[in-house]
PDB file of N, CA and C in Angstrom:
ATOM      1  N   MET A   1     174.960 268.435 123.234  1.00  0.00           N
ATOM      2  CA  MET A   1     175.514 268.423 121.949  1.00  0.00           C
ATOM      3  C   MET A   1     174.621 267.821 120.961  1.00  0.00           C
ATOM      4  N   LYS A   2     174.562 268.472 119.840  1.00  0.00           N
ATOM      5  CA  LYS A   2     173.656 267.932 118.771  1.00  0.00           C
ATOM      6  C   LYS A   2     174.500 267.134 117.772  1.00  0.00           C
ATOM      7  N   LYS A   3     173.912 266.027 117.381  1.00  0.00           N
ATOM      8  CA  LYS A   3     174.654 265.250 116.355  1.00  0.00           C
ATOM      9  C   LYS A   3     174.104 265.647 114.998  1.00  0.00           C
ATOM     10  N   SER A   4     174.883 265.765 114.076  1.00  0.00           N
ATOM     11  CA  SER A   4     174.440 266.072 112.713  1.00  0.00           C
ATOM     12  C   SER A   4     173.767 264.897 112.116  1.00  0.00           C
ATOM     13  N   LYS A   5     172.812 265.190 111.450  1.00  0.00           N
ATOM     14  CA  LYS A   5     172.068 264.129 110.768  1.00  0.00           C
ATOM     15  C   LYS A   5     172.610 263.799 109.314  1.00  0.00           C
ATOM     16  N   GLY A   6     173.760 264.060 109.082  1.00  0.00           N
ATOM     17  CA  GLY A   6     174.380 263.763 107.889  1.00  0.00           C
ATOM     18  C   GLY A   6     174.499 262.303 107.556  1.00  0.00           C
ATOM     19  N   LYS A   7     174.219 261.911 106.375  1.00  0.00           N
ATOM     20  CA  LYS A   7     174.228 260.449 106.061  1.00  0.00           C
ATOM     21  C   LYS A   7     175.634 260.089 105.647  1.00  0.00           C
ATOM     22  N   SER A   8     176.047 259.051 106.264  1.00  0.00           N
ATOM     23  CA  SER A   8     177.417 258.640 105.870  1.00  0.00           C
ATOM     24  C   SER A   8     177.308 257.924 104.530  1.00  0.00           C
ATOM     25  N   LYS A   9     178.067 258.187 103.687  1.00  0.00           N
ATOM     26  CA  LYS A   9     178.030 257.478 102.391  1.00  0.00           C
ATOM     27  C   LYS A   9     179.058 256.421 102.388  1.00  0.00           C
ATOM     28  N   LYS A  10     178.559 255.188 102.114  1.00  0.00           N
ATOM     29  CA  LYS A  10     179.494 254.096 101.979  1.00  0.00           C
ATOM     30  C   LYS A  10     179.691 253.851 100.525  1.00  0.00           C
ATOM     31  N   LEU A  11     180.899 253.619 100.218  1.00  0.00           N
ATOM     32  CA  LEU A  11     181.228 253.336  98.836  1.00  0.00           C
ATOM     33  C   LEU A  11     180.950 251.917  98.575  1.00  0.00           C
ATOM     34  N   LYS A  12     180.202 251.720  97.490  1.00  0.00           N
ATOM     35  CA  LYS A  12     179.894 250.327  97.136  1.00  0.00           C
ATOM     36  C   LYS A  12     181.000 249.734  96.380  1.00  0.00           C
ATOM     37  N   ARG A  13     181.375 248.547  96.772  1.00  0.00           N
ATOM     38  CA  ARG A  13     182.447 247.904  95.974  1.00  0.00           C
ATOM     39  C   ARG A  13     181.915 247.259  94.736  1.00  0.00           C
ATOM     40  N   ARG A  14     182.639 247.539  93.792  1.00  0.00           N
ATOM     41  CA  ARG A  14     182.186 246.884  92.458  1.00  0.00           C
ATOM     42  C   ARG A  14     182.489 245.361  92.530  1.00  0.00           C
ATOM     43  N   GLU A  15     181.451 244.648  91.977  1.00  0.00           N
ATOM     44  CA  GLU A  15     181.584 243.196  92.002  1.00  0.00           C
ATOM     45  C   GLU A  15     182.497 242.886  90.794  1.00  0.00           C
ATOM     46  N   LYS A  16     183.358 241.934  91.046  1.00  0.00           N
ATOM     47  CA  LYS A  16     184.284 241.534  89.988  1.00  0.00           C
ATOM     48  C   LYS A  16     183.450 240.799  89.018  1.00  0.00           C
ATOM     49  N   PRO A  17     183.644 241.070  87.624  1.00  0.00           N
ATOM     50  CA  PRO A  17     182.867 240.211  86.713  1.00  0.00           C
ATOM     51  C   PRO A  17     183.331 238.793  86.730  1.00  0.00           C
ATOM     52  N   SER A  18     182.403 237.943  86.473  1.00  0.00           N
ATOM     53  CA  SER A  18     182.866 236.505  86.465  1.00  0.00           C
ATOM     54  C   SER A  18     183.696 236.189  85.273  1.00  0.00           C
ATOM     55  N   LEU A  19     184.457 235.167  85.389  1.00  0.00           N
ATOM     56  CA  LEU A  19     185.303 234.722  84.284  1.00  0.00           C
ATOM     57  C   LEU A  19     184.518 234.444  82.994  1.00  0.00           C
ATOM     58  N   TYR A  20     183.333 233.970  83.191  1.00  0.00           N
ATOM     59  CA  TYR A  20     182.561 233.716  81.978  1.00  0.00           C
ATOM     60  C   TYR A  20     182.187 234.989  81.199  1.00  0.00           C
ATOM     61  N   VAL A  21     181.853 236.070  81.915  1.00  0.00           N
ATOM     62  CA  VAL A  21     181.453 237.318  81.359  1.00  0.00           C
ATOM     63  C   VAL A  21     182.736 237.928  80.669  1.00  0.00           C
ATOM     64  N   LEU A  22     183.881 237.785  81.282  1.00  0.00           N
ATOM     65  CA  LEU A  22     185.108 238.318  80.657  1.00  0.00           C
ATOM     66  C   LEU A  22     185.468 237.594  79.408  1.00  0.00           C
ATOM     67  N   GLU A  23     185.254 236.288  79.362  1.00  0.00           N
ATOM     68  CA  GLU A  23     185.536 235.490  78.149  1.00  0.00           C
ATOM     69  C   GLU A  23     184.613 235.821  77.036  1.00  0.00           C
ATOM     70  N   GLU A  24     183.375 235.976  77.452  1.00  0.00           N
ATOM     71  CA  GLU A  24     182.280 236.340  76.478  1.00  0.00           C
ATOM     72  C   GLU A  24     182.549 237.679  75.885  1.00  0.00           C
ATOM     73  N   LYS A  25     182.954 238.668  76.660  1.00  0.00           N
ATOM     74  CA  LYS A  25     183.301 240.010  76.133  1.00  0.00           C
ATOM     75  C   LYS A  25     184.462 239.863  75.175  1.00  0.00           C
ATOM     76  N   SER A  26     185.458 239.043  75.528  1.00  0.00           N
ATOM     77  CA  SER A  26     186.610 238.927  74.764  1.00  0.00           C
ATOM     78  C   SER A  26     186.213 238.283  73.379  1.00  0.00           C
ATOM     79  N   VAL A  27     185.310 237.311  73.376  1.00  0.00           N
ATOM     80  CA  VAL A  27     184.851 236.750  72.086  1.00  0.00           C
ATOM     81  C   VAL A  27     184.178 237.794  71.269  1.00  0.00           C
ATOM     82  N   PHE A  28     183.301 238.563  71.897  1.00  0.00           N
ATOM     83  CA  PHE A  28     182.621 239.621  71.180  1.00  0.00           C
ATOM     84  C   PHE A  28     183.532 240.647  70.482  1.00  0.00           C
ATOM     85  N   LEU A  29     184.513 241.004  71.316  1.00  0.00           N
ATOM     86  CA  LEU A  29     185.444 241.998  70.767  1.00  0.00           C
ATOM     87  C   LEU A  29     186.238 241.389  69.581  1.00  0.00           C
ATOM     88  N   SER A  30     186.643 240.096  69.673  1.00  0.00           N
ATOM     89  CA  SER A  30     187.313 239.492  68.560  1.00  0.00           C
ATOM     90  C   SER A  30     186.394 239.407  67.269  1.00  0.00           C
ATOM     91  N   GLU A  31     185.092 239.078  67.550  1.00  0.00           N
ATOM     92  CA  GLU A  31     184.115 239.015  66.467  1.00  0.00           C
ATOM     93  C   GLU A  31     184.036 240.378  65.808  1.00  0.00           C
ATOM     94  N   GLN A  32     183.935 241.385  66.648  1.00  0.00           N
ATOM     95  CA  GLN A  32     183.861 242.836  66.068  1.00  0.00           C
ATOM     96  C   GLN A  32     185.073 243.168  65.268  1.00  0.00           C
ATOM     97  N   ARG A  33     186.228 242.762  65.663  1.00  0.00           N
ATOM     98  CA  ARG A  33     187.466 243.103  64.961  1.00  0.00           C
ATOM     99  C   ARG A  33     187.410 242.366  63.613  1.00  0.00           C
ATOM    100  N   THR A  34     186.884 241.156  63.651  1.00  0.00           N
ATOM    101  CA  THR A  34     186.871 240.303  62.341  1.00  0.00           C
ATOM    102  C   THR A  34     185.844 240.980  61.452  1.00  0.00           C
ATOM    103  N   ILE A  35     184.649 241.419  61.953  1.00  0.00           N
ATOM    104  CA  ILE A  35     183.771 241.990  60.987  1.00  0.00           C
ATOM    105  C   ILE A  35     184.235 243.308  60.504  1.00  0.00           C
ATOM    106  N   LEU A  36     184.892 244.101  61.325  1.00  0.00           N
ATOM    107  CA  LEU A  36     185.450 245.390  60.841  1.00  0.00           C
ATOM    108  C   LEU A  36     186.533 245.171  59.739  1.00  0.00           C
ATOM    109  N   SER A  37     187.308 244.203  59.888  1.00  0.00           N
ATOM    110  CA  SER A  37     188.277 243.898  58.874  1.00  0.00           C
ATOM    111  C   SER A  37     187.680 243.473  57.593  1.00  0.00           C
ATOM    112  N   LYS A  38     186.604 242.659  57.673  1.00  0.00           N
ATOM    113  CA  LYS A  38     185.858 242.236  56.470  1.00  0.00           C
ATOM    114  C   LYS A  38     185.226 243.417  55.788  1.00  0.00           C
ATOM    115  N   GLU A  39     184.730 244.413  56.659  1.00  0.00           N
ATOM    116  CA  GLU A  39     184.105 245.672  55.999  1.00  0.00           C
ATOM    117  C   GLU A  39     185.231 246.369  55.301  1.00  0.00           C
ATOM    118  N   ARG A  40     186.398 246.478  55.812  1.00  0.00           N
ATOM    119  CA  ARG A  40     187.479 247.183  55.128  1.00  0.00           C
ATOM    120  C   ARG A  40     187.821 246.558  53.846  1.00  0.00           C
ATOM    121  N   THR A  41     187.847 245.193  53.832  1.00  0.00           N
ATOM    122  CA  THR A  41     188.120 244.417  52.594  1.00  0.00           C
ATOM    123  C   THR A  41     187.016 244.734  51.548  1.00  0.00           C
ATOM    124  N   ILE A  42     185.782 244.753  52.029  1.00  0.00           N
ATOM    125  CA  ILE A  42     184.688 244.991  51.066  1.00  0.00           C
ATOM    126  C   ILE A  42     184.773 246.433  50.452  1.00  0.00           C
ATOM    127  N   LEU A  43     185.214 247.304  51.268  1.00  0.00           N
ATOM    128  CA  LEU A  43     185.268 248.647  50.759  1.00  0.00           C
ATOM    129  C   LEU A  43     186.438 248.809  49.733  1.00  0.00           C
ATOM    130  N   SER A  44     187.457 247.967  49.903  1.00  0.00           N
ATOM    131  CA  SER A  44     188.602 248.025  48.863  1.00  0.00           C
ATOM    132  C   SER A  44     188.103 247.352  47.641  1.00  0.00           C
ATOM    133  N   PHE A  45     187.143 246.333  47.814  1.00  0.00           N
ATOM    134  CA  PHE A  45     186.659 245.777  46.563  1.00  0.00           C
ATOM    135  C   PHE A  45     185.834 246.722  45.771  1.00  0.00           C
ATOM    136  N   MET A  46     185.043 247.571  46.562  1.00  0.00           N
ATOM    137  CA  MET A  46     184.257 248.611  45.915  1.00  0.00           C
ATOM    138  C   MET A  46     185.150 249.647  45.200  1.00  0.00           C
ATOM    139  N   GLN A  47     186.245 249.982  45.828  1.00  0.00           N
ATOM    140  CA  GLN A  47     187.230 250.827  45.193  1.00  0.00           C
ATOM    141  C   GLN A  47     187.829 250.314  43.934  1.00  0.00           C
ATOM    142  N   THR A  48     188.000 248.991  43.915  1.00  0.00           N
ATOM    143  CA  THR A  48     188.535 248.318  42.696  1.00  0.00           C
ATOM    144  C   THR A  48     187.434 248.337  41.638  1.00  0.00           C
ATOM    145  N   GLY A  49     186.138 248.170  42.001  1.00  0.00           N
ATOM    146  CA  GLY A  49     185.017 248.265  41.070  1.00  0.00           C
ATOM    147  C   GLY A  49     184.982 249.632  40.406  1.00  0.00           C
ATOM    148  N   LEU A  50     185.216 250.658  41.223  1.00  0.00           N
ATOM    149  CA  LEU A  50     185.291 252.029  40.659  1.00  0.00           C
ATOM    150  C   LEU A  50     186.426 252.250  39.706  1.00  0.00           C
ATOM    151  N   ALA A  51     187.545 251.622  40.031  1.00  0.00           N
ATOM    152  CA  ALA A  51     188.755 251.678  39.122  1.00  0.00           C
ATOM    153  C   ALA A  51     188.476 251.022  37.841  1.00  0.00           C
ATOM    154  N   PHE A  52     187.777 249.824  37.744  1.00  0.00           N
ATOM    155  CA  PHE A  52     187.330 249.107  36.578  1.00  0.00           C
ATOM    156  C   PHE A  52     186.414 250.086  35.748  1.00  0.00           C
ATOM    157  N   ILE A  53     185.436 250.713  36.403  1.00  0.00           N
ATOM    158  CA  ILE A  53     184.513 251.501  35.708  1.00  0.00           C
ATOM    159  C   ILE A  53     185.274 252.661  34.983  1.00  0.00           C
ATOM    160  N   GLY A  54     186.147 253.368  35.807  1.00  0.00           N
ATOM    161  CA  GLY A  54     186.901 254.432  35.275  1.00  0.00           C
ATOM    162  C   GLY A  54     187.817 254.054  34.099  1.00  0.00           C
ATOM    163  N   SER A  55     188.466 252.917  34.247  1.00  0.00           N
ATOM    164  CA  SER A  55     189.275 252.346  33.132  1.00  0.00           C
ATOM    165  C   SER A  55     188.529 252.071  31.912  1.00  0.00           C
ATOM    166  N   GLY A  56     187.334 251.436  32.128  1.00  0.00           N
ATOM    167  CA  GLY A  56     186.441 251.176  30.984  1.00  0.00           C
ATOM    168  C   GLY A  56     185.976 252.457  30.252  1.00  0.00           C
ATOM    169  N   ILE A  57     185.639 253.447  31.060  1.00  0.00           N
ATOM    170  CA  ILE A  57     185.208 254.686  30.444  1.00  0.00           C
ATOM    171  C   ILE A  57     186.334 255.293  29.632  1.00  0.00           C
ATOM    172  N   VAL A  58     187.536 255.289  30.178  1.00  0.00           N
ATOM    173  CA  VAL A  58     188.675 255.892  29.453  1.00  0.00           C
ATOM    174  C   VAL A  58     188.893 255.106  28.134  1.00  0.00           C
ATOM    175  N   ILE A  59     188.815 253.759  28.188  1.00  0.00           N
ATOM    176  CA  ILE A  59     189.099 252.904  26.984  1.00  0.00           C
ATOM    177  C   ILE A  59     187.974 253.259  25.983  1.00  0.00           C
ATOM    178  N   VAL A  60     186.737 253.269  26.404  1.00  0.00           N
ATOM    179  CA  VAL A  60     185.666 253.527  25.388  1.00  0.00           C
ATOM    180  C   VAL A  60     185.805 254.920  24.769  1.00  0.00           C
ATOM    181  N   LYS A  61     186.146 255.881  25.626  1.00  0.00           N
ATOM    182  CA  LYS A  61     186.209 257.249  25.133  1.00  0.00           C
ATOM    183  C   LYS A  61     187.388 257.453  24.136  1.00  0.00           C
ATOM    184  N   PHE A  62     188.539 256.846  24.465  1.00  0.00           N
ATOM    185  CA  PHE A  62     189.733 257.292  23.611  1.00  0.00           C
ATOM    186  C   PHE A  62     190.216 256.195  22.695  1.00  0.00           C
ATOM    187  N   MET A  63     189.780 255.030  22.727  1.00  0.00           N
ATOM    188  CA  MET A  63     190.116 254.030  21.794  1.00  0.00           C
ATOM    189  C   MET A  63     188.936 253.715  20.845  1.00  0.00           C
ATOM    190  N   ASP A  64     189.228 253.937  19.483  1.00  0.00           N
ATOM    191  CA  ASP A  64     188.118 253.857  18.594  1.00  0.00           C
ATOM    192  C   ASP A  64     187.957 252.495  17.937  1.00  0.00           C
ATOM    193  N   THR A  65     188.768 251.594  18.228  1.00  0.00           N
ATOM    194  CA  THR A  65     188.576 250.243  17.553  1.00  0.00           C
ATOM    195  C   THR A  65     187.559 249.442  18.293  1.00  0.00           C
ATOM    196  N   PRO A  66     186.783 248.596  17.577  1.00  0.00           N
ATOM    197  CA  PRO A  66     185.710 247.821  18.128  1.00  0.00           C
ATOM    198  C   PRO A  66     186.210 246.879  19.228  1.00  0.00           C
ATOM    199  N   ALA A  67     187.435 246.295  19.138  1.00  0.00           N
ATOM    200  CA  ALA A  67     187.938 245.417  20.183  1.00  0.00           C
ATOM    201  C   ALA A  67     188.113 246.209  21.517  1.00  0.00           C
ATOM    202  N   PHE A  68     188.665 247.374  21.463  1.00  0.00           N
ATOM    203  CA  PHE A  68     188.867 248.205  22.663  1.00  0.00           C
ATOM    204  C   PHE A  68     187.455 248.589  23.225  1.00  0.00           C
ATOM    205  N   ASN A  69     186.550 248.868  22.293  1.00  0.00           N
ATOM    206  CA  ASN A  69     185.252 249.265  22.716  1.00  0.00           C
ATOM    207  C   ASN A  69     184.562 248.132  23.514  1.00  0.00           C
ATOM    208  N   ILE A  70     184.705 246.877  23.055  1.00  0.00           N
ATOM    209  CA  ILE A  70     184.131 245.777  23.790  1.00  0.00           C
ATOM    210  C   ILE A  70     184.779 245.595  25.127  1.00  0.00           C
ATOM    211  N   ILE A  71     186.200 245.728  25.128  1.00  0.00           N
ATOM    212  CA  ILE A  71     186.883 245.589  26.362  1.00  0.00           C
ATOM    213  C   ILE A  71     186.481 246.603  27.425  1.00  0.00           C
ATOM    214  N   GLY A  72     186.275 247.835  26.932  1.00  0.00           N
ATOM    215  CA  GLY A  72     185.924 249.000  27.809  1.00  0.00           C
ATOM    216  C   GLY A  72     184.576 248.675  28.417  1.00  0.00           C
ATOM    217  N   TRP A  73     183.586 248.207  27.622  1.00  0.00           N
ATOM    218  CA  TRP A  73     182.199 248.067  28.119  1.00  0.00           C
ATOM    219  C   TRP A  73     182.208 246.841  29.068  1.00  0.00           C
ATOM    220  N   MET A  74     183.075 245.863  28.805  1.00  0.00           N
ATOM    221  CA  MET A  74     183.196 244.715  29.769  1.00  0.00           C
ATOM    222  C   MET A  74     183.705 245.164  31.064  1.00  0.00           C
ATOM    223  N   LEU A  75     184.728 246.061  31.070  1.00  0.00           N
ATOM    224  CA  LEU A  75     185.300 246.584  32.332  1.00  0.00           C
ATOM    225  C   LEU A  75     184.252 247.440  33.099  1.00  0.00           C
ATOM    226  N   ILE A  76     183.483 248.172  32.413  1.00  0.00           N
ATOM    227  CA  ILE A  76     182.408 248.918  33.034  1.00  0.00           C
ATOM    228  C   ILE A  76     181.384 247.952  33.749  1.00  0.00           C
ATOM    229  N   LEU A  77     180.978 246.941  32.972  1.00  0.00           N
ATOM    230  CA  LEU A  77     180.017 245.989  33.511  1.00  0.00           C
ATOM    231  C   LEU A  77     180.530 245.296  34.674  1.00  0.00           C
ATOM    232  N   ILE A  78     181.831 244.802  34.634  1.00  0.00           N
ATOM    233  CA  ILE A  78     182.435 244.049  35.742  1.00  0.00           C
ATOM    234  C   ILE A  78     182.492 244.997  36.938  1.00  0.00           C
ATOM    235  N   GLY A  79     182.844 246.300  36.740  1.00  0.00           N
ATOM    236  CA  GLY A  79     182.921 247.259  37.844  1.00  0.00           C
ATOM    237  C   GLY A  79     181.568 247.427  38.600  1.00  0.00           C
ATOM    238  N   PHE A  80     180.454 247.541  37.769  1.00  0.00           N
ATOM    239  CA  PHE A  80     179.120 247.694  38.345  1.00  0.00           C
ATOM    240  C   PHE A  80     178.730 246.441  39.177  1.00  0.00           C
ATOM    241  N   VAL A  81     178.988 245.363  38.652  1.00  0.00           N
ATOM    242  CA  VAL A  81     178.702 244.024  39.280  1.00  0.00           C
ATOM    243  C   VAL A  81     179.479 243.937  40.549  1.00  0.00           C
ATOM    244  N   GLU A  82     180.741 244.270  40.561  1.00  0.00           N
ATOM    245  CA  GLU A  82     181.589 244.187  41.759  1.00  0.00           C
ATOM    246  C   GLU A  82     181.035 245.200  42.828  1.00  0.00           C
ATOM    247  N   ILE A  83     180.683 246.335  42.477  1.00  0.00           N
ATOM    248  CA  ILE A  83     180.134 247.290  43.440  1.00  0.00           C
ATOM    249  C   ILE A  83     178.906 246.777  44.026  1.00  0.00           C
ATOM    250  N   ALA A  84     177.966 246.249  43.232  1.00  0.00           N
ATOM    251  CA  ALA A  84     176.731 245.748  43.684  1.00  0.00           C
ATOM    252  C   ALA A  84     176.821 244.568  44.694  1.00  0.00           C
ATOM    253  N   GLU A  85     177.746 243.685  44.365  1.00  0.00           N
ATOM    254  CA  GLU A  85     177.963 242.552  45.226  1.00  0.00           C
ATOM    255  C   GLU A  85     178.612 242.893  46.509  1.00  0.00           C
ATOM    256  N   SER A  86     179.588 243.891  46.423  1.00  0.00           N
ATOM    257  CA  SER A  86     180.231 244.355  47.577  1.00  0.00           C
ATOM    258  C   SER A  86     179.281 245.151  48.533  1.00  0.00           C
ATOM    259  N   TYR A  87     178.382 245.812  47.911  1.00  0.00           N
ATOM    260  CA  TYR A  87     177.306 246.579  48.737  1.00  0.00           C
ATOM    261  C   TYR A  87     176.429 245.536  49.466  1.00  0.00           C
ATOM    262  N   LYS A  88     176.009 244.492  48.785  1.00  0.00           N
ATOM    263  CA  LYS A  88     175.186 243.535  49.490  1.00  0.00           C
ATOM    264  C   LYS A  88     175.947 242.901  50.708  1.00  0.00           C
ATOM    265  N   ARG A  89     177.220 242.571  50.509  1.00  0.00           N
ATOM    266  CA  ARG A  89     177.999 241.976  51.645  1.00  0.00           C
ATOM    267  C   ARG A  89     178.192 243.044  52.723  1.00  0.00           C
ATOM    268  N   LEU A  90     178.363 244.253  52.373  1.00  0.00           N
ATOM    269  CA  LEU A  90     178.534 245.331  53.357  1.00  0.00           C
ATOM    270  C   LEU A  90     177.338 245.401  54.230  1.00  0.00           C
ATOM    271  N   ILE A  91     176.139 245.431  53.708  1.00  0.00           N
ATOM    272  CA  ILE A  91     174.918 245.505  54.374  1.00  0.00           C
ATOM    273  C   ILE A  91     174.803 244.305  55.299  1.00  0.00           C
ATOM    274  N   LEU A  92     175.188 243.103  54.916  1.00  0.00           N
ATOM    275  CA  LEU A  92     175.135 241.895  55.677  1.00  0.00           C
ATOM    276  C   LEU A  92     176.065 242.065  56.902  1.00  0.00           C
ATOM    277  N   TYR A  93     177.276 242.549  56.711  1.00  0.00           N
ATOM    278  CA  TYR A  93     178.110 242.703  57.884  1.00  0.00           C
ATOM    279  C   TYR A  93     177.739 243.775  58.821  1.00  0.00           C
ATOM    280  N   LYS A  94     177.065 244.866  58.222  1.00  0.00           N
ATOM    281  CA  LYS A  94     176.557 245.927  59.150  1.00  0.00           C
ATOM    282  C   LYS A  94     175.472 245.332  60.081  1.00  0.00           C
ATOM    283  N   ARG A  95     174.679 244.459  59.565  1.00  0.00           N
ATOM    284  CA  ARG A  95     173.585 243.817  60.342  1.00  0.00           C
ATOM    285  C   ARG A  95     174.142 242.849  61.452  1.00  0.00           C
ATOM    286  N   LYS A  96     175.221 242.240  61.062  1.00  0.00           N
ATOM    287  CA  LYS A  96     175.915 241.300  62.085  1.00  0.00           C
ATOM    288  C   LYS A  96     176.500 242.202  63.146  1.00  0.00           C
ATOM    289  N   MET A  97     177.070 243.331  62.773  1.00  0.00           N
ATOM    290  CA  MET A  97     177.728 244.167  63.828  1.00  0.00           C
ATOM    291  C   MET A  97     176.596 244.800  64.725  1.00  0.00           C
ATOM    292  N   GLU A  98     175.420 245.130  64.226  1.00  0.00           N
ATOM    293  CA  GLU A  98     174.346 245.624  65.112  1.00  0.00           C
ATOM    294  C   GLU A  98     173.879 244.467  66.048  1.00  0.00           C
ATOM    295  N   GLY A  99     173.815 243.283  65.567  1.00  0.00           N
ATOM    296  CA  GLY A  99     173.439 242.187  66.414  1.00  0.00           C
ATOM    297  C   GLY A  99     174.444 241.885  67.480  1.00  0.00           C
ATOM    298  N   LEU A 100     175.728 242.007  67.200  1.00  0.00           N
ATOM    299  CA  LEU A 100     176.782 241.908  68.283  1.00  0.00           C
ATOM    300  C   LEU A 100     176.616 243.023  69.307  1.00  0.00           C
ATOM    301  N   LYS A 101     176.316 244.191  68.863  1.00  0.00           N
ATOM    302  CA  LYS A 101     176.243 245.338  69.781  1.00  0.00           C
ATOM    303  C   LYS A 101     175.086 245.063  70.748  1.00  0.00           C
ATOM    304  N   ALA A 102     174.035 244.557  70.147  1.00  0.00           N
ATOM    305  CA  ALA A 102     172.796 244.308  71.063  1.00  0.00           C
ATOM    306  C   ALA A 102     173.096 243.175  72.062  1.00  0.00           C
ATOM    307  N   LYS A 103     173.835 242.132  71.639  1.00  0.00           N
ATOM    308  CA  LYS A 103     174.246 241.091  72.609  1.00  0.00           C
ATOM    309  C   LYS A 103     175.181 241.673  73.699  1.00  0.00           C
ATOM    310  N   MET A 104     176.030 242.617  73.272  1.00  0.00           N
ATOM    311  CA  MET A 104     177.041 243.161  74.238  1.00  0.00           C
ATOM    312  C   MET A 104     176.237 243.983  75.281  1.00  0.00           C
ATOM    313  N   LYS A 105     175.165 244.695  74.892  1.00  0.00           N
ATOM    314  CA  LYS A 105     174.438 245.467  75.836  1.00  0.00           C
ATOM    315  C   LYS A 105     173.771 244.549  76.775  1.00  0.00           C
ATOM    316  N   LYS A 106     173.257 243.400  76.351  1.00  0.00           N
ATOM    317  CA  LYS A 106     172.603 242.455  77.322  1.00  0.00           C
ATOM    318  C   LYS A 106     173.559 241.929  78.292  1.00  0.00           C
ATOM    319  N   ILE A 107     174.803 241.655  77.874  1.00  0.00           N
ATOM    320  CA  ILE A 107     175.831 241.174  78.793  1.00  0.00           C
ATOM    321  C   ILE A 107     176.095 242.223  79.838  1.00  0.00           C
ATOM    322  N   ASN A 108     176.185 243.495  79.388  1.00  0.00           N
ATOM    323  CA  ASN A 108     176.655 244.582  80.340  1.00  0.00           C
ATOM    324  C   ASN A 108     175.587 244.916  81.329  1.00  0.00           C
ATOM    325  N   GLN A 109     174.340 244.516  81.037  1.00  0.00           N
ATOM    326  CA  GLN A 109     173.263 244.879  82.025  1.00  0.00           C
ATOM    327  C   GLN A 109     173.223 243.968  83.182  1.00  0.00           C
TER     328      GLN A 109
END
């Protein structure tokens, strides 16, 4: 009788991650949720800035008195400042998110 030379495959048991790794992943996930919520808030600030710009344009276009003209230009200026500040914060939080993703990859390895 010939024996087959087939290799028996043994299933490797996955090692259970240590409690420290699980806690660290939990912390990273909560940090990611926090950053994502801050990004949503920043995007709503940008939306508000666009609304200020739109309101200012409407006031400048349709109201002919000098007082309304000044108010309209002030709203436009405030809208642009709000969008610029929000964009700077958004870039900052995007960088933080990339840093967290890099740390998560190191933990998973």
